[in-house]
N, C-alpha and C. Protein backbone atom coordinates (compact mmCIF):
# COMPACT_ATOMS: atom_id res chain seq x y z
N MET A 1 -1.51 16.88 9.19
CA MET A 1 -0.77 16.37 10.47
C MET A 1 0.44 15.46 9.84
N THR A 2 1.41 15.68 10.42
CA THR A 2 2.70 14.82 10.20
C THR A 2 2.64 13.68 11.03
N ALA A 3 3.64 12.70 10.62
CA ALA A 3 3.87 11.38 11.49
C ALA A 3 4.32 11.98 12.85
N ALA A 4 5.22 13.01 12.95
CA ALA A 4 5.93 13.47 14.24
C ALA A 4 4.76 13.96 15.13
N GLU A 5 3.76 14.72 14.46
CA GLU A 5 2.55 15.14 15.20
C GLU A 5 1.65 14.08 15.83
N LEU A 6 1.47 13.05 15.00
CA LEU A 6 0.85 11.92 15.40
C LEU A 6 1.40 11.17 16.36
N VAL A 7 2.87 11.18 16.51
CA VAL A 7 3.58 10.35 17.64
C VAL A 7 3.20 11.16 18.91
N GLU A 8 3.18 12.64 18.86
CA GLU A 8 3.07 13.27 19.98
C GLU A 8 1.67 13.31 20.50
N ALA A 9 0.54 13.09 19.58
CA ALA A 9 -0.64 12.75 19.96
C ALA A 9 -0.89 11.36 20.54
N LEU A 10 -0.03 10.43 20.29
CA LEU A 10 -0.07 9.23 20.80
C LEU A 10 0.71 9.19 22.13
N ARG A 11 1.77 9.83 22.36
CA ARG A 11 2.34 10.05 23.59
C ARG A 11 1.68 10.54 24.62
N ALA A 12 0.96 11.72 24.12
CA ALA A 12 -0.14 12.48 25.15
C ALA A 12 -1.32 11.54 25.51
N ALA A 13 -1.78 10.78 24.65
CA ALA A 13 -2.90 9.72 24.89
C ALA A 13 -2.68 8.80 25.87
N GLN A 14 -1.20 8.17 25.71
CA GLN A 14 -0.74 7.17 26.57
C GLN A 14 -0.53 7.64 27.96
N SER A 15 -0.14 8.99 28.07
CA SER A 15 0.29 9.65 29.39
C SER A 15 -1.14 9.95 30.28
N SER A 16 -2.21 9.99 29.49
CA SER A 16 -3.44 10.42 30.16
C SER A 16 -3.95 9.00 30.91
N PRO A 17 -4.85 9.16 31.91
CA PRO A 17 -5.27 7.98 32.66
C PRO A 17 -6.13 7.16 31.79
N GLY A 18 -5.87 5.76 32.03
CA GLY A 18 -6.44 4.58 30.91
C GLY A 18 -6.01 4.62 29.66
N GLY A 19 -4.91 5.45 29.18
CA GLY A 19 -4.39 5.46 27.88
C GLY A 19 -3.27 4.41 27.64
N GLY A 20 -2.82 3.60 28.55
CA GLY A 20 -2.03 2.68 28.45
C GLY A 20 -2.29 1.49 27.55
N GLU A 21 -3.49 1.34 27.23
CA GLU A 21 -3.92 0.30 26.33
C GLU A 21 -3.86 0.86 24.78
N GLY A 22 -3.46 2.01 24.55
CA GLY A 22 -3.48 2.66 23.29
C GLY A 22 -4.51 3.39 23.08
N ILE A 23 -4.54 4.00 21.73
CA ILE A 23 -5.82 4.89 21.37
C ILE A 23 -6.20 4.30 20.11
N THR A 24 -7.49 4.38 19.88
CA THR A 24 -8.06 3.78 18.67
C THR A 24 -7.97 4.95 17.52
N VAL A 25 -8.23 4.42 16.24
CA VAL A 25 -8.23 5.33 15.11
C VAL A 25 -9.47 6.49 15.35
N THR A 26 -10.61 6.04 15.76
CA THR A 26 -11.65 6.77 16.03
C THR A 26 -11.50 7.97 16.85
N GLU A 27 -10.90 7.49 18.09
CA GLU A 27 -10.21 8.62 19.14
C GLU A 27 -9.43 9.67 18.57
N MET A 28 -8.26 9.12 17.79
CA MET A 28 -7.48 9.95 16.84
C MET A 28 -8.35 10.89 16.17
N ALA A 29 -9.09 10.34 15.28
CA ALA A 29 -9.79 11.05 14.38
C ALA A 29 -10.57 12.43 15.12
N GLU A 30 -11.19 11.93 16.12
CA GLU A 30 -11.90 12.94 17.10
C GLU A 30 -11.18 14.14 17.71
N GLU A 31 -9.81 13.65 18.12
CA GLU A 31 -9.01 14.47 18.82
C GLU A 31 -8.30 15.39 17.56
N THR A 32 -7.80 15.02 16.46
CA THR A 32 -7.21 15.79 15.37
C THR A 32 -8.11 16.28 14.28
N GLY A 33 -9.45 15.93 14.21
CA GLY A 33 -10.26 16.35 13.25
C GLY A 33 -9.98 15.85 11.90
N LEU A 34 -8.79 14.69 11.74
CA LEU A 34 -8.75 14.20 10.54
C LEU A 34 -9.55 12.99 10.16
N PRO A 35 -9.80 12.65 8.84
CA PRO A 35 -10.61 11.54 8.64
C PRO A 35 -9.84 10.30 9.05
N HIS A 36 -10.53 9.04 9.19
CA HIS A 36 -10.01 7.97 9.60
C HIS A 36 -8.95 7.25 8.70
N ASP A 37 -9.29 7.56 7.22
CA ASP A 37 -8.32 7.17 6.38
C ASP A 37 -6.87 7.71 6.29
N ALA A 38 -7.05 9.03 6.64
CA ALA A 38 -5.73 9.87 6.85
C ALA A 38 -4.95 9.25 8.06
N ILE A 39 -5.66 9.14 9.15
CA ILE A 39 -4.96 8.55 10.15
C ILE A 39 -4.39 7.15 9.93
N ARG A 40 -5.10 6.34 9.27
CA ARG A 40 -4.59 4.87 8.82
C ARG A 40 -3.31 5.18 8.06
N ALA A 41 -3.50 6.14 7.17
CA ALA A 41 -2.25 6.25 6.19
C ALA A 41 -0.98 6.73 6.99
N LEU A 42 -1.18 7.39 8.09
CA LEU A 42 0.02 8.03 8.64
C LEU A 42 0.50 6.83 9.72
N LEU A 43 -0.49 5.97 10.23
CA LEU A 43 -0.18 5.09 11.05
C LEU A 43 0.66 3.51 10.39
N ARG A 44 0.21 3.43 9.07
CA ARG A 44 0.68 2.17 8.49
C ARG A 44 2.19 2.35 8.28
N PRO A 45 2.97 3.29 7.81
CA PRO A 45 4.27 3.01 7.69
C PRO A 45 5.08 3.40 9.08
N MET A 46 4.36 3.76 10.13
CA MET A 46 4.84 3.67 11.58
C MET A 46 4.92 2.35 12.16
N VAL A 47 3.91 1.61 11.78
CA VAL A 47 3.73 0.24 12.38
C VAL A 47 4.68 -0.61 11.56
N MET A 48 4.96 -0.44 10.24
CA MET A 48 5.96 -1.37 9.64
C MET A 48 7.43 -0.95 10.15
N ALA A 49 7.60 0.39 10.57
CA ALA A 49 9.05 0.81 10.97
C ALA A 49 9.11 0.23 12.42
N GLY A 50 8.10 -0.16 13.22
CA GLY A 50 8.24 -0.52 14.58
C GLY A 50 8.09 0.68 15.47
N THR A 51 7.83 1.79 15.14
CA THR A 51 7.69 2.93 16.05
C THR A 51 6.20 2.85 16.63
N VAL A 52 5.28 2.18 16.14
CA VAL A 52 4.08 2.16 16.84
C VAL A 52 3.66 0.57 16.78
N ARG A 53 2.92 0.07 17.77
CA ARG A 53 2.58 -1.24 17.65
C ARG A 53 0.99 -1.24 17.65
N ALA A 54 0.30 -2.32 16.82
CA ALA A 54 -0.94 -2.48 17.11
C ALA A 54 -1.35 -3.42 18.05
N THR A 55 -2.42 -3.14 18.91
CA THR A 55 -2.81 -3.72 20.04
C THR A 55 -4.33 -3.89 19.87
N LYS A 56 -4.95 -4.40 21.04
CA LYS A 56 -6.45 -4.63 21.23
C LYS A 56 -6.75 -3.76 22.38
N LYS A 57 -7.85 -3.01 22.58
CA LYS A 57 -8.18 -2.31 23.74
C LYS A 57 -9.59 -2.77 24.11
N ARG A 58 -10.02 -2.87 25.14
CA ARG A 58 -11.49 -3.46 25.61
C ARG A 58 -12.37 -2.24 25.87
N MET A 59 -13.32 -2.08 24.98
CA MET A 59 -14.12 -0.91 24.88
C MET A 59 -15.64 -1.38 25.19
N LEU A 60 -16.53 -0.67 25.83
CA LEU A 60 -17.86 -0.86 26.02
C LEU A 60 -18.57 -0.58 24.86
N ALA A 61 -19.31 -1.72 24.36
CA ALA A 61 -20.36 -1.52 23.12
C ALA A 61 -21.38 -1.12 23.45
N MET A 62 -22.36 -1.09 22.60
CA MET A 62 -23.68 -0.51 22.82
C MET A 62 -24.54 -1.34 23.43
N ASP A 63 -24.37 -2.77 23.42
CA ASP A 63 -24.94 -3.66 24.00
C ASP A 63 -24.70 -4.01 25.64
N GLY A 64 -23.55 -3.24 26.01
CA GLY A 64 -23.30 -3.31 27.26
C GLY A 64 -22.00 -4.25 27.54
N ALA A 65 -21.68 -4.97 26.39
CA ALA A 65 -20.54 -5.88 26.63
C ALA A 65 -19.41 -5.22 26.31
N TYR A 66 -18.32 -5.60 26.66
CA TYR A 66 -16.68 -5.16 26.25
C TYR A 66 -16.37 -5.89 25.36
N ARG A 67 -15.87 -5.24 24.31
CA ARG A 67 -15.25 -5.99 22.89
C ARG A 67 -13.83 -5.39 22.78
N PRO A 68 -12.83 -6.33 22.25
CA PRO A 68 -11.73 -5.98 21.89
C PRO A 68 -11.71 -4.99 20.72
N VAL A 69 -11.07 -3.98 20.46
CA VAL A 69 -11.12 -2.89 19.63
C VAL A 69 -9.62 -2.66 19.21
N PRO A 70 -9.35 -2.58 17.89
CA PRO A 70 -7.80 -2.15 17.56
C PRO A 70 -7.44 -0.81 17.93
N SER A 71 -6.42 -0.96 18.60
CA SER A 71 -5.93 0.59 19.04
C SER A 71 -4.25 0.36 18.76
N TYR A 72 -3.62 1.54 19.00
CA TYR A 72 -2.34 1.74 18.66
C TYR A 72 -1.54 2.49 19.78
N ALA A 73 -0.37 1.93 19.91
CA ALA A 73 0.54 2.45 21.27
C ALA A 73 1.95 2.68 20.53
N LEU A 74 2.68 3.67 21.15
CA LEU A 74 4.09 3.97 20.88
C LEU A 74 4.88 2.77 21.52
N VAL A 75 5.94 2.29 20.75
CA VAL A 75 7.00 1.42 21.10
C VAL A 75 7.91 1.97 21.86
N GLU A 76 8.20 1.51 23.20
CA GLU A 76 9.21 2.12 24.16
C GLU A 76 10.52 1.66 23.66
N ALA A 77 11.24 2.68 23.55
CA ALA A 77 12.75 2.34 23.09
C ALA A 77 13.33 1.24 24.36
N ALA A 78 13.92 0.37 23.89
CA ALA A 78 14.60 -0.71 24.74
C ALA A 78 16.07 0.17 25.12
N ALA A 79 16.16 -0.10 26.68
CA ALA A 79 17.46 0.24 27.04
C ALA A 79 18.68 -0.44 26.45
N PRO A 80 19.73 0.13 26.28
CA PRO A 80 20.98 -0.48 25.39
C PRO A 80 21.28 -1.59 26.42
N VAL A 81 21.66 -2.75 25.73
CA VAL A 81 22.40 -3.65 26.48
C VAL A 81 23.74 -3.63 26.51
N LYS A 82 24.38 -3.64 27.78
CA LYS A 82 25.93 -3.59 27.83
C LYS A 82 26.33 -5.03 27.84
N ARG A 83 27.43 -4.97 26.80
CA ARG A 83 28.30 -6.20 26.60
C ARG A 83 29.61 -6.30 27.29
N GLY A 84 29.92 -7.26 27.43
CA GLY A 84 31.41 -7.31 28.02
C GLY A 84 31.54 -8.26 29.09
N ARG A 85 32.53 -8.50 29.81
CA ARG A 85 32.83 -9.45 30.78
C ARG A 85 32.43 -8.88 32.09
N ALA A 86 32.04 -9.86 32.91
CA ALA A 86 31.60 -9.51 34.26
C ALA A 86 32.80 -9.53 35.17
N LYS A 87 33.19 -8.54 35.97
CA LYS A 87 34.40 -8.56 36.94
C LYS A 87 34.07 -9.48 38.00
N ALA A 88 35.00 -10.39 38.13
CA ALA A 88 35.08 -11.14 39.44
C ALA A 88 35.24 -10.48 40.67
N ALA A 89 34.34 -10.94 41.93
CA ALA A 89 34.57 -10.26 43.09
C ALA A 89 35.87 -10.62 43.89
């Protein structure tokens, strides 16, 4: 799997219901069939470059409590800021 394929997997996961909080490494591993370490190796440079952000997602644990779990989400590109003078009315 390439970084571009991982970005597409993240984009697809975020567009699914409940995917706005990001996707965990375990969920990515289950979806792609790659080991956790391979996913982390692909994610690390993407987080450093600012393409992906690390966040927390609350998930139900075995004891019935919700716990924060590390997850990853794509960073939305900011709209360009227009600079210049405002026109007087």
